[in-house]
PDB file of all heavy atoms in Angstrom:
ATOM      1  N   GLN A   1      76.905  98.860 106.129  1.00  0.00           N
ATOM      2  CA  GLN A   1      78.032  99.490 106.828  1.00  0.00           C
ATOM      3  C   GLN A   1      77.754 100.951 107.150  1.00  0.00           C
ATOM      4  O   GLN A   1      78.045 101.423 108.247  1.00  0.00           O
ATOM      5  CB  GLN A   1      79.315  99.384 105.988  1.00  0.00           C
ATOM      6  CG  GLN A   1      79.767  97.978 105.724  1.00  0.00           C
ATOM      7  CD  GLN A   1      80.001  97.204 106.989  1.00  0.00           C
ATOM      8  OE1 GLN A   1      80.711  97.658 107.891  1.00  0.00           O
ATOM      9  NE2 GLN A   1      79.403  96.033 107.074  1.00  0.00           N
ATOM     10  N   ILE A   2      77.179 101.674 106.221  1.00  0.00           N
ATOM     11  CA  ILE A   2      77.004 103.116 106.399  1.00  0.00           C
ATOM     12  C   ILE A   2      75.940 103.421 107.460  1.00  0.00           C
ATOM     13  O   ILE A   2      76.063 104.384 108.204  1.00  0.00           O
ATOM     14  CB  ILE A   2      76.697 103.820 105.040  1.00  0.00           C
ATOM     15  CG1 ILE A   2      77.013 105.316 105.106  1.00  0.00           C
ATOM     16  CG2 ILE A   2      75.297 103.599 104.572  1.00  0.00           C
ATOM     17  CD1 ILE A   2      78.428 105.669 104.991  1.00  0.00           C
ATOM     18  N   VAL A   3      74.916 102.588 107.571  1.00  0.00           N
ATOM     19  CA  VAL A   3      73.880 102.844 108.585  1.00  0.00           C
ATOM     20  C   VAL A   3      74.381 102.561 110.000  1.00  0.00           C
ATOM     21  O   VAL A   3      73.796 103.040 110.971  1.00  0.00           O
ATOM     22  CB  VAL A   3      72.565 102.067 108.315  1.00  0.00           C
ATOM     23  CG1 VAL A   3      71.948 102.472 106.992  1.00  0.00           C
ATOM     24  CG2 VAL A   3      72.769 100.577 108.374  1.00  0.00           C
ATOM     25  N   LYS A   4      75.464 101.819 110.121  1.00  0.00           N
ATOM     26  CA  LYS A   4      76.063 101.587 111.442  1.00  0.00           C
ATOM     27  C   LYS A   4      76.725 102.854 111.978  1.00  0.00           C
ATOM     28  O   LYS A   4      76.862 103.019 113.177  1.00  0.00           O
ATOM     29  CB  LYS A   4      77.123 100.479 111.365  1.00  0.00           C
ATOM     30  CG  LYS A   4      76.586  99.113 111.125  1.00  0.00           C
ATOM     31  CD  LYS A   4      77.742  98.134 111.024  1.00  0.00           C
ATOM     32  CE  LYS A   4      77.277  96.751 110.629  1.00  0.00           C
ATOM     33  NZ  LYS A   4      78.428  95.829 110.470  1.00  0.00           N
ATOM     34  N   ARG A   5      77.148 103.741 111.083  1.00  0.00           N
ATOM     35  CA  ARG A   5      77.930 104.916 111.480  1.00  0.00           C
ATOM     36  C   ARG A   5      77.172 106.239 111.376  1.00  0.00           C
ATOM     37  O   ARG A   5      77.497 107.189 112.060  1.00  0.00           O
ATOM     38  CB  ARG A   5      79.187 105.006 110.631  1.00  0.00           C
ATOM     39  CG  ARG A   5      80.178 103.899 110.921  1.00  0.00           C
ATOM     40  CD  ARG A   5      81.357 103.965 109.977  1.00  0.00           C
ATOM     41  NE  ARG A   5      82.475 103.176 110.387  1.00  0.00           N
ATOM     42  CZ  ARG A   5      82.532 101.849 110.386  1.00  0.00           C
ATOM     43  NH1 ARG A   5      81.480 101.159 110.000  1.00  0.00           N
ATOM     44  NH2 ARG A   5      83.613 101.214 110.764  1.00  0.00           N
ATOM     45  N   PHE A   6      76.178 106.294 110.483  1.00  0.00           N
ATOM     46  CA  PHE A   6      75.503 107.566 110.217  1.00  0.00           C
ATOM     47  C   PHE A   6      73.993 107.371 110.124  1.00  0.00           C
ATOM     48  O   PHE A   6      73.536 106.298 109.758  1.00  0.00           O
ATOM     49  CB  PHE A   6      75.985 108.178 108.889  1.00  0.00           C
ATOM     50  CG  PHE A   6      77.461 108.412 108.820  1.00  0.00           C
ATOM     51  CD1 PHE A   6      78.274 107.551 108.107  1.00  0.00           C
ATOM     52  CD2 PHE A   6      78.044 109.502 109.458  1.00  0.00           C
ATOM     53  CE1 PHE A   6      79.631 107.759 108.031  1.00  0.00           C
ATOM     54  CE2 PHE A   6      79.409 109.710 109.380  1.00  0.00           C
ATOM     55  CZ  PHE A   6      80.206 108.836 108.679  1.00  0.00           C
ATOM     56  N   GLU A   7      73.275 108.448 110.385  1.00  0.00           N
ATOM     57  CA  GLU A   7      71.849 108.477 110.091  1.00  0.00           C
ATOM     58  C   GLU A   7      71.727 108.864 108.629  1.00  0.00           C
ATOM     59  O   GLU A   7      72.197 109.932 108.223  1.00  0.00           O
ATOM     60  CB  GLU A   7      71.154 109.512 110.976  1.00  0.00           C
ATOM     61  CG  GLU A   7      69.685 109.556 110.787  1.00  0.00           C
ATOM     62  CD  GLU A   7      69.032 110.579 111.701  1.00  0.00           C
ATOM     63  OE1 GLU A   7      69.514 110.777 112.829  1.00  0.00           O
ATOM     64  OE2 GLU A   7      68.040 111.196 111.274  1.00  0.00           O
ATOM     65  N   VAL A   8      71.151 107.989 107.811  1.00  0.00           N
ATOM     66  CA  VAL A   8      71.148 108.223 106.366  1.00  0.00           C
ATOM     67  C   VAL A   8      69.746 108.121 105.786  1.00  0.00           C
ATOM     68  O   VAL A   8      68.856 107.485 106.349  1.00  0.00           O
ATOM     69  CB  VAL A   8      72.068 107.217 105.632  1.00  0.00           C
ATOM     70  CG1 VAL A   8      73.496 107.417 106.014  1.00  0.00           C
ATOM     71  CG2 VAL A   8      71.641 105.810 105.879  1.00  0.00           C
ATOM     72  N   GLU A   9      69.580 108.777 104.661  1.00  0.00           N
ATOM     73  CA  GLU A   9      68.363 108.689 103.861  1.00  0.00           C
ATOM     74  C   GLU A   9      68.780 108.191 102.476  1.00  0.00           C
ATOM     75  O   GLU A   9      69.596 108.825 101.817  1.00  0.00           O
ATOM     76  CB  GLU A   9      67.712 110.051 103.742  1.00  0.00           C
ATOM     77  CG  GLU A   9      66.516 110.078 102.821  1.00  0.00           C
ATOM     78  CD  GLU A   9      66.006 111.488 102.574  1.00  0.00           C
ATOM     79  OE1 GLU A   9      66.400 112.430 103.291  1.00  0.00           O
ATOM     80  OE2 GLU A   9      65.212 111.637 101.630  1.00  0.00           O
ATOM     81  N   PHE A  10      68.246 107.066 102.078  1.00  0.00           N
ATOM     82  CA  PHE A  10      68.579 106.510 100.769  1.00  0.00           C
ATOM     83  C   PHE A  10      67.619 107.059  99.734  1.00  0.00           C
ATOM     84  O   PHE A  10      66.404 106.972  99.889  1.00  0.00           O
ATOM     85  CB  PHE A  10      68.525 104.983 100.797  1.00  0.00           C
ATOM     86  CG  PHE A  10      69.629 104.385 101.607  1.00  0.00           C
ATOM     87  CD1 PHE A  10      69.446 104.055 102.919  1.00  0.00           C
ATOM     88  CD2 PHE A  10      70.886 104.190 101.026  1.00  0.00           C
ATOM     89  CE1 PHE A  10      70.482 103.522 103.664  1.00  0.00           C
ATOM     90  CE2 PHE A  10      71.910 103.664 101.759  1.00  0.00           C
ATOM     91  CZ  PHE A  10      71.715 103.333 103.091  1.00  0.00           C
ATOM     92  N   LYS A  11      68.165 107.608  98.671  1.00  0.00           N
ATOM     93  CA  LYS A  11      67.350 108.199  97.602  1.00  0.00           C
ATOM     94  C   LYS A  11      66.907 107.153  96.598  1.00  0.00           C
ATOM     95  O   LYS A  11      65.889 107.314  95.962  1.00  0.00           O
ATOM     96  CB  LYS A  11      68.170 109.276  96.861  1.00  0.00           C
ATOM     97  CG  LYS A  11      68.659 110.369  97.755  1.00  0.00           C
ATOM     98  CD  LYS A  11      67.591 111.373  98.001  1.00  0.00           C
ATOM     99  CE  LYS A  11      68.148 112.460  98.908  1.00  0.00           C
ATOM    100  NZ  LYS A  11      67.544 113.708  98.748  1.00  0.00           N
ATOM    101  N   GLY A  12      67.694 106.099  96.432  1.00  0.00           N
ATOM    102  CA  GLY A  12      67.308 105.069  95.496  1.00  0.00           C
ATOM    103  C   GLY A  12      68.500 104.346  94.917  1.00  0.00           C
ATOM    104  O   GLY A  12      69.641 104.666  95.202  1.00  0.00           O
ATOM    105  N   ARG A  13      68.169 103.358  94.082  1.00  0.00           N
ATOM    106  CA  ARG A  13      69.190 102.573  93.405  1.00  0.00           C
ATOM    107  C   ARG A  13      68.788 102.422  91.953  1.00  0.00           C
ATOM    108  O   ARG A  13      67.718 101.909  91.645  1.00  0.00           O
ATOM    109  CB  ARG A  13      69.323 101.206  94.066  1.00  0.00           C
ATOM    110  CG  ARG A  13      70.411 100.356  93.448  1.00  0.00           C
ATOM    111  CD  ARG A  13      70.511  99.008  94.095  1.00  0.00           C
ATOM    112  NE  ARG A  13      70.986  99.131  95.450  1.00  0.00           N
ATOM    113  CZ  ARG A  13      71.251  98.070  96.233  1.00  0.00           C
ATOM    114  NH1 ARG A  13      71.072  96.854  95.788  1.00  0.00           N
ATOM    115  NH2 ARG A  13      71.668  98.260  97.455  1.00  0.00           N
ATOM    116  N   LEU A  14      69.654 102.890  91.088  1.00  0.00           N
ATOM    117  CA  LEU A  14      69.385 102.789  89.656  1.00  0.00           C
ATOM    118  C   LEU A  14      70.176 101.633  89.078  1.00  0.00           C
ATOM    119  O   LEU A  14      71.265 101.329  89.533  1.00  0.00           O
ATOM    120  CB  LEU A  14      69.797 104.074  88.933  1.00  0.00           C
ATOM    121  CG  LEU A  14      69.056 105.340  89.285  1.00  0.00           C
ATOM    122  CD1 LEU A  14      69.595 106.488  88.458  1.00  0.00           C
ATOM    123  CD2 LEU A  14      67.590 105.175  89.065  1.00  0.00           C
ATOM    124  N   GLY A  15      69.613 101.029  88.050  1.00  0.00           N
ATOM    125  CA  GLY A  15      70.345  99.974  87.358  1.00  0.00           C
ATOM    126  C   GLY A  15      69.398  99.081  86.601  1.00  0.00           C
ATOM    127  O   GLY A  15      68.171  99.246  86.634  1.00  0.00           O
ATOM    128  N   TYR A  16      69.974  98.134  85.926  1.00  0.00           N
ATOM    129  CA  TYR A  16      69.209  97.155  85.152  1.00  0.00           C
ATOM    130  C   TYR A  16      68.389  96.295  86.114  1.00  0.00           C
ATOM    131  O   TYR A  16      68.919  95.774  87.079  1.00  0.00           O
ATOM    132  CB  TYR A  16      70.165  96.309  84.326  1.00  0.00           C
ATOM    133  CG  TYR A  16      69.488  95.303  83.444  1.00  0.00           C
ATOM    134  CD1 TYR A  16      68.725  95.717  82.372  1.00  0.00           C
ATOM    135  CD2 TYR A  16      69.616  93.951  83.683  1.00  0.00           C
ATOM    136  CE1 TYR A  16      68.085  94.807  81.553  1.00  0.00           C
ATOM    137  CE2 TYR A  16      68.997  93.026  82.866  1.00  0.00           C
ATOM    138  CZ  TYR A  16      68.241  93.458  81.801  1.00  0.00           C
ATOM    139  OH  TYR A  16      67.621  92.544  80.999  1.00  0.00           O
ATOM    140  N   ARG A  17      67.089  96.210  85.876  1.00  0.00           N
ATOM    141  CA  ARG A  17      66.168  95.397  86.670  1.00  0.00           C
ATOM    142  C   ARG A  17      66.057  95.848  88.131  1.00  0.00           C
ATOM    143  O   ARG A  17      65.952  95.021  89.030  1.00  0.00           O
ATOM    144  CB  ARG A  17      66.541  93.921  86.603  1.00  0.00           C
ATOM    145  CG  ARG A  17      66.396  93.345  85.233  1.00  0.00           C
ATOM    146  CD  ARG A  17      66.636  91.866  85.256  1.00  0.00           C
ATOM    147  NE  ARG A  17      66.549  91.338  83.910  1.00  0.00           N
ATOM    148  CZ  ARG A  17      66.860  90.116  83.588  1.00  0.00           C
ATOM    149  NH1 ARG A  17      67.281  89.271  84.493  1.00  0.00           N
ATOM    150  NH2 ARG A  17      66.753  89.713  82.345  1.00  0.00           N
ATOM    151  N   THR A  18      66.121  97.121  88.380  1.00  0.00           N
ATOM    152  CA  THR A  18      65.836  97.624  89.737  1.00  0.00           C
ATOM    153  C   THR A  18      64.426  98.187  89.756  1.00  0.00           C
ATOM    154  O   THR A  18      63.846  98.471  88.711  1.00  0.00           O
ATOM    155  CB  THR A  18      66.838  98.726  90.147  1.00  0.00           C
ATOM    156  OG1 THR A  18      66.770  99.794  89.225  1.00  0.00           O
ATOM    157  CG2 THR A  18      68.248  98.182  90.218  1.00  0.00           C
ATOM    158  N   GLU A  19      63.871  98.324  90.933  1.00  0.00           N
ATOM    159  CA  GLU A  19      62.488  98.813  91.077  1.00  0.00           C
ATOM    160  C   GLU A  19      62.361 100.283  90.705  1.00  0.00           C
ATOM    161  O   GLU A  19      61.309 100.740  90.317  1.00  0.00           O
ATOM    162  CB  GLU A  19      62.017  98.600  92.507  1.00  0.00           C
ATOM    163  CG  GLU A  19      61.887  97.154  92.892  1.00  0.00           C
ATOM    164  CD  GLU A  19      61.483  96.970  94.330  1.00  0.00           C
ATOM    165  OE1 GLU A  19      61.026  97.949  94.961  1.00  0.00           O
ATOM    166  OE2 GLU A  19      61.624  95.844  94.830  1.00  0.00           O
ATOM    167  N   GLN A  20      63.436 101.022  90.839  1.00  0.00           N
ATOM    168  CA  GLN A  20      63.390 102.464  90.619  1.00  0.00           C
ATOM    169  C   GLN A  20      64.076 102.809  89.313  1.00  0.00           C
ATOM    170  O   GLN A  20      65.160 102.318  89.022  1.00  0.00           O
ATOM    171  CB  GLN A  20      64.103 103.149  91.782  1.00  0.00           C
ATOM    172  CG  GLN A  20      63.888 104.610  91.855  1.00  0.00           C
ATOM    173  CD  GLN A  20      64.361 105.159  93.191  1.00  0.00           C
ATOM    174  OE1 GLN A  20      64.854 104.426  94.034  1.00  0.00           O
ATOM    175  NE2 GLN A  20      64.213 106.439  93.375  1.00  0.00           N
ATOM    176  N   SER A  21      63.450 103.677  88.510  1.00  0.00           N
ATOM    177  CA  SER A  21      64.050 104.049  87.224  1.00  0.00           C
ATOM    178  C   SER A  21      64.625 105.444  87.208  1.00  0.00           C
ATOM    179  O   SER A  21      65.343 105.819  86.298  1.00  0.00           O
ATOM    180  CB  SER A  21      63.023 103.900  86.103  1.00  0.00           C
ATOM    181  OG  SER A  21      61.953 104.813  86.312  1.00  0.00           O
ATOM    182  N   SER A  22      64.325 106.275  88.246  1.00  0.00           N
ATOM    183  CA  SER A  22      64.906 107.624  88.282  1.00  0.00           C
ATOM    184  C   SER A  22      65.102 108.055  89.732  1.00  0.00           C
ATOM    185  O   SER A  22      64.454 107.578  90.655  1.00  0.00           O
ATOM    186  CB  SER A  22      64.010 108.625  87.552  1.00  0.00           C
ATOM    187  OG  SER A  22      62.777 108.747  88.197  1.00  0.00           O
ATOM    188  N   VAL A  23      66.030 108.998  89.881  1.00  0.00           N
ATOM    189  CA  VAL A  23      66.352 109.532  91.201  1.00  0.00           C
ATOM    190  C   VAL A  23      66.865 110.959  90.999  1.00  0.00           C
ATOM    191  O   VAL A  23      67.374 111.302  89.925  1.00  0.00           O
ATOM    192  CB  VAL A  23      67.404 108.648  91.916  1.00  0.00           C
ATOM    193  CG1 VAL A  23      68.741 108.688  91.228  1.00  0.00           C
ATOM    194  CG2 VAL A  23      67.531 109.008  93.384  1.00  0.00           C
ATOM    195  N   THR A  24      66.726 111.786  92.013  1.00  0.00           N
ATOM    196  CA  THR A  24      67.275 113.137  91.973  1.00  0.00           C
ATOM    197  C   THR A  24      68.508 113.198  92.855  1.00  0.00           C
ATOM    198  O   THR A  24      68.465 112.775  94.009  1.00  0.00           O
ATOM    199  CB  THR A  24      66.221 114.158  92.482  1.00  0.00           C
ATOM    200  OG1 THR A  24      65.065 114.061  91.656  1.00  0.00           O
ATOM    201  CG2 THR A  24      66.775 115.576  92.408  1.00  0.00           C
ATOM    202  N   LEU A  25      69.593 113.692  92.297  1.00  0.00           N
ATOM    203  CA  LEU A  25      70.842 113.803  93.019  1.00  0.00           C
ATOM    204  C   LEU A  25      71.414 115.200  92.785  1.00  0.00           C
ATOM    205  O   LEU A  25      71.629 115.592  91.622  1.00  0.00           O
ATOM    206  CB  LEU A  25      71.838 112.739  92.537  1.00  0.00           C
ATOM    207  CG  LEU A  25      73.227 112.795  93.138  1.00  0.00           C
ATOM    208  CD1 LEU A  25      73.171 112.434  94.620  1.00  0.00           C
ATOM    209  CD2 LEU A  25      74.156 111.862  92.400  1.00  0.00           C
ATOM    210  N   LEU A  26      71.618 115.949  93.839  1.00  0.00           N
ATOM    211  CA  LEU A  26      72.132 117.314  93.748  1.00  0.00           C
ATOM    212  C   LEU A  26      71.308 118.154  92.780  1.00  0.00           C
ATOM    213  O   LEU A  26      71.832 118.871  91.940  1.00  0.00           O
ATOM    214  CB  LEU A  26      73.616 117.299  93.334  1.00  0.00           C
ATOM    215  CG  LEU A  26      74.553 116.548  94.276  1.00  0.00           C
ATOM    216  CD1 LEU A  26      75.938 116.460  93.677  1.00  0.00           C
ATOM    217  CD2 LEU A  26      74.575 117.197  95.638  1.00  0.00           C
ATOM    218  N   ASN A  27      69.993 118.027  92.884  1.00  0.00           N
ATOM    219  CA  ASN A  27      69.019 118.749  92.061  1.00  0.00           C
ATOM    220  C   ASN A  27      69.112 118.418  90.578  1.00  0.00           C
ATOM    221  O   ASN A  27      68.760 119.234  89.724  1.00  0.00           O
ATOM    222  CB  ASN A  27      69.143 120.265  92.258  1.00  0.00           C
ATOM    223  CG  ASN A  27      68.752 120.673  93.657  1.00  0.00           C
ATOM    224  OD1 ASN A  27      67.774 120.173  94.199  1.00  0.00           O
ATOM    225  ND2 ASN A  27      69.522 121.537  94.264  1.00  0.00           N
ATOM    226  N   ARG A  28      69.606 117.249  90.266  1.00  0.00           N
ATOM    227  CA  ARG A  28      69.686 116.787  88.882  1.00  0.00           C
ATOM    228  C   ARG A  28      68.949 115.461  88.776  1.00  0.00           C
ATOM    229  O   ARG A  28      69.093 114.610  89.639  1.00  0.00           O
ATOM    230  CB  ARG A  28      71.142 116.608  88.452  1.00  0.00           C
ATOM    231  CG  ARG A  28      71.871 117.935  88.349  1.00  0.00           C
ATOM    232  CD  ARG A  28      73.367 117.739  88.537  1.00  0.00           C
ATOM    233  NE  ARG A  28      74.088 118.979  88.388  1.00  0.00           N
ATOM    234  CZ  ARG A  28      74.332 119.819  89.386  1.00  0.00           C
ATOM    235  NH1 ARG A  28      73.883 119.584  90.601  1.00  0.00           N
ATOM    236  NH2 ARG A  28      75.036 120.917  89.166  1.00  0.00           N
ATOM    237  N   ALA A  29      68.183 115.319  87.728  1.00  0.00           N
ATOM    238  CA  ALA A  29      67.422 114.083  87.523  1.00  0.00           C
ATOM    239  C   ALA A  29      68.273 113.071  86.775  1.00  0.00           C
ATOM    240  O   ALA A  29      68.826 113.367  85.720  1.00  0.00           O
ATOM    241  CB  ALA A  29      66.150 114.371  86.734  1.00  0.00           C
ATOM    242  N   LEU A  30      68.383 111.870  87.337  1.00  0.00           N
ATOM    243  CA  LEU A  30      69.066 110.753  86.700  1.00  0.00           C
ATOM    244  C   LEU A  30      68.020 109.694  86.403  1.00  0.00           C
ATOM    245  O   LEU A  30      67.277 109.304  87.296  1.00  0.00           O
ATOM    246  CB  LEU A  30      70.143 110.170  87.609  1.00  0.00           C
ATOM    247  CG  LEU A  30      71.264 111.108  88.023  1.00  0.00           C
ATOM    248  CD1 LEU A  30      72.104 110.472  89.111  1.00  0.00           C
ATOM    249  CD2 LEU A  30      72.111 111.460  86.837  1.00  0.00           C
TER     250      LEU A  30
END
């Protein structure tokens, strides 16, 4: 839905059994 309305850059998806284990959001490491 969001890509239909805006040009976006996805930083990642965190969670159990996801490919990515960390992401930076607002200069904070999660």
